[in-house]
């Protein structure tokens, strides 16, 4: 299980005005990737909510927003290596690891 925080340095001004985005240096959302790959996201904006996703890729496809400069900071350990992900895919008894997509990982954690 790994915890993360999501930051958006460049949210649209109208999102800030409406309270659906926090200031750029504040956490926008926090979450956890469970060992089976499930992602739970908790928004830290004015309108608190949470959502559950079946995978990191699904979650990030919707909430990654490169145009907002989204940055993920991992709070627990290093992301799995590509080798660990490949080995987990080959071993049916091993719990699945979250997929690694290089632009998503932050070295700032």
Protein backbone atom coordinates (compact mmCIF):
# COMPACT_ATOMS: atom_id res chain seq x y z
CA UNK A 1 0.00 0.00 0.00
CA UNK A 2 1.32 3.46 -0.91
CA UNK A 3 0.04 6.90 0.01
CA UNK A 4 0.29 9.93 -2.25
CA UNK A 5 -0.52 13.62 -2.45
CA UNK A 6 -1.44 15.47 -5.64
CA UNK A 7 -0.48 19.07 -6.36
CA UNK A 8 -1.56 21.29 -9.25
CA UNK A 9 0.66 24.35 -9.62
CA UNK A 10 -1.40 25.80 -12.51
CA UNK A 11 -5.12 25.25 -11.85
CA UNK A 12 -7.55 27.34 -13.91
CA UNK A 13 -8.33 30.67 -12.23
CA UNK A 14 -12.06 29.95 -12.35
CA UNK A 15 -11.48 26.71 -10.40
CA UNK A 16 -9.70 28.67 -7.66
CA UNK A 17 -12.49 31.26 -7.56
CA UNK A 18 -15.18 28.55 -7.32
CA UNK A 19 -13.39 26.63 -4.55
CA UNK A 20 -12.88 23.49 -6.60
CA UNK A 21 -9.10 23.93 -6.55
CA UNK A 22 -6.71 24.89 -3.77
CA UNK A 23 -3.91 27.42 -4.14
CA UNK A 24 -1.02 26.02 -6.21
CA UNK A 25 1.23 25.14 -3.24
CA UNK A 26 -1.53 23.31 -1.34
CA UNK A 27 -2.41 19.64 -1.67
CA UNK A 28 -5.35 19.18 -4.04
CA UNK A 29 -5.98 15.54 -3.19
CA UNK A 30 -4.46 12.71 -1.23
CA UNK A 31 -4.88 9.02 -1.69
CA UNK A 32 -3.73 5.48 -1.42
CA UNK A 33 -2.90 2.74 -3.91
CA UNK A 34 -3.77 -0.59 -2.32
CA UNK A 35 -1.78 -3.75 -3.02
CA UNK A 36 -4.46 -5.00 -5.42
CA UNK A 37 -4.09 -1.80 -7.49
CA UNK A 38 -7.28 -0.09 -6.26
CA UNK A 39 -6.91 3.67 -5.80
CA UNK A 40 -8.87 5.79 -3.34
CA UNK A 41 -8.64 9.56 -3.75
CA UNK A 42 -9.75 12.14 -1.15
CA UNK A 43 -10.11 15.74 -2.36
CA UNK A 44 -8.80 18.44 -0.03
CA UNK A 45 -10.54 21.34 -1.76
CA UNK A 46 -13.51 23.31 -0.41
CA UNK A 47 -15.88 20.58 -1.65
CA UNK A 48 -14.44 17.48 0.05
CA UNK A 49 -15.24 14.19 -1.62
CA UNK A 50 -13.64 10.86 -2.37
CA UNK A 51 -13.62 8.40 -5.23
CA UNK A 52 -12.54 4.80 -5.80
CA UNK A 53 -10.75 3.68 -8.96
CA UNK A 54 -9.86 0.18 -10.16
CA UNK A 55 -6.33 1.17 -11.19
CA UNK A 56 -3.73 3.92 -11.07
CA UNK A 57 -3.96 4.36 -14.85
CA UNK A 58 -7.73 4.95 -14.67
CA UNK A 59 -7.34 7.43 -11.82
CA UNK A 60 -4.48 9.34 -13.43
CA UNK A 61 -6.11 9.42 -16.85
CA UNK A 62 -8.97 11.44 -15.32
CA UNK A 63 -7.12 13.47 -12.66
CA UNK A 64 -3.55 13.74 -14.00
CA UNK A 65 -4.09 16.98 -15.96
CA UNK A 66 -0.60 17.73 -17.33
CA UNK A 67 -1.95 21.14 -18.42
CA UNK A 68 -2.31 22.02 -14.71
CA UNK A 69 1.22 20.82 -13.96
CA UNK A 70 -0.03 17.95 -11.78
CA UNK A 71 2.69 16.53 -9.54
CA UNK A 72 2.34 13.40 -7.41
CA UNK A 73 4.40 13.07 -4.26
CA UNK A 74 4.66 9.57 -2.82
CA UNK A 75 4.70 9.36 0.97
CA UNK A 76 5.69 5.68 1.26
CA UNK A 77 8.77 4.00 -0.20
CA UNK A 78 9.96 4.15 -3.76
CA UNK A 79 7.72 3.27 -6.71
CA UNK A 80 8.13 -0.31 -7.94
CA UNK A 81 10.76 -0.77 -10.59
CA UNK A 82 9.86 -1.85 -14.10
CA UNK A 83 11.44 -5.22 -13.29
CA UNK A 84 9.20 -5.64 -10.20
CA UNK A 85 6.14 -4.81 -12.27
CA UNK A 86 7.17 -7.28 -15.00
CA UNK A 87 7.86 -10.03 -12.47
CA UNK A 88 4.52 -9.42 -10.72
CA UNK A 89 2.76 -9.75 -14.09
CA UNK A 90 4.45 -13.13 -14.62
CA UNK A 91 3.61 -14.44 -11.13
CA UNK A 92 -0.13 -15.12 -10.81
CA UNK A 93 0.18 -15.61 -7.04
CA UNK A 94 1.81 -12.23 -6.39
CA UNK A 95 -0.41 -9.25 -5.62
CA UNK A 96 -0.42 -6.81 -8.55
CA UNK A 97 1.70 -3.68 -8.27
CA UNK A 98 0.50 -0.30 -9.48
CA UNK A 99 1.67 0.34 -13.06
CA UNK A 100 4.76 2.47 -13.51
CA UNK A 101 4.47 5.32 -15.98
CA UNK A 102 7.56 7.49 -15.65
CA UNK A 103 5.91 10.94 -15.99
CA UNK A 104 3.72 10.20 -12.96
CA UNK A 105 6.39 9.51 -10.36
CA UNK A 106 8.00 12.31 -8.43
CA UNK A 107 11.55 12.18 -7.13
CA UNK A 108 10.54 14.76 -4.50
CA UNK A 109 9.00 12.19 -2.13
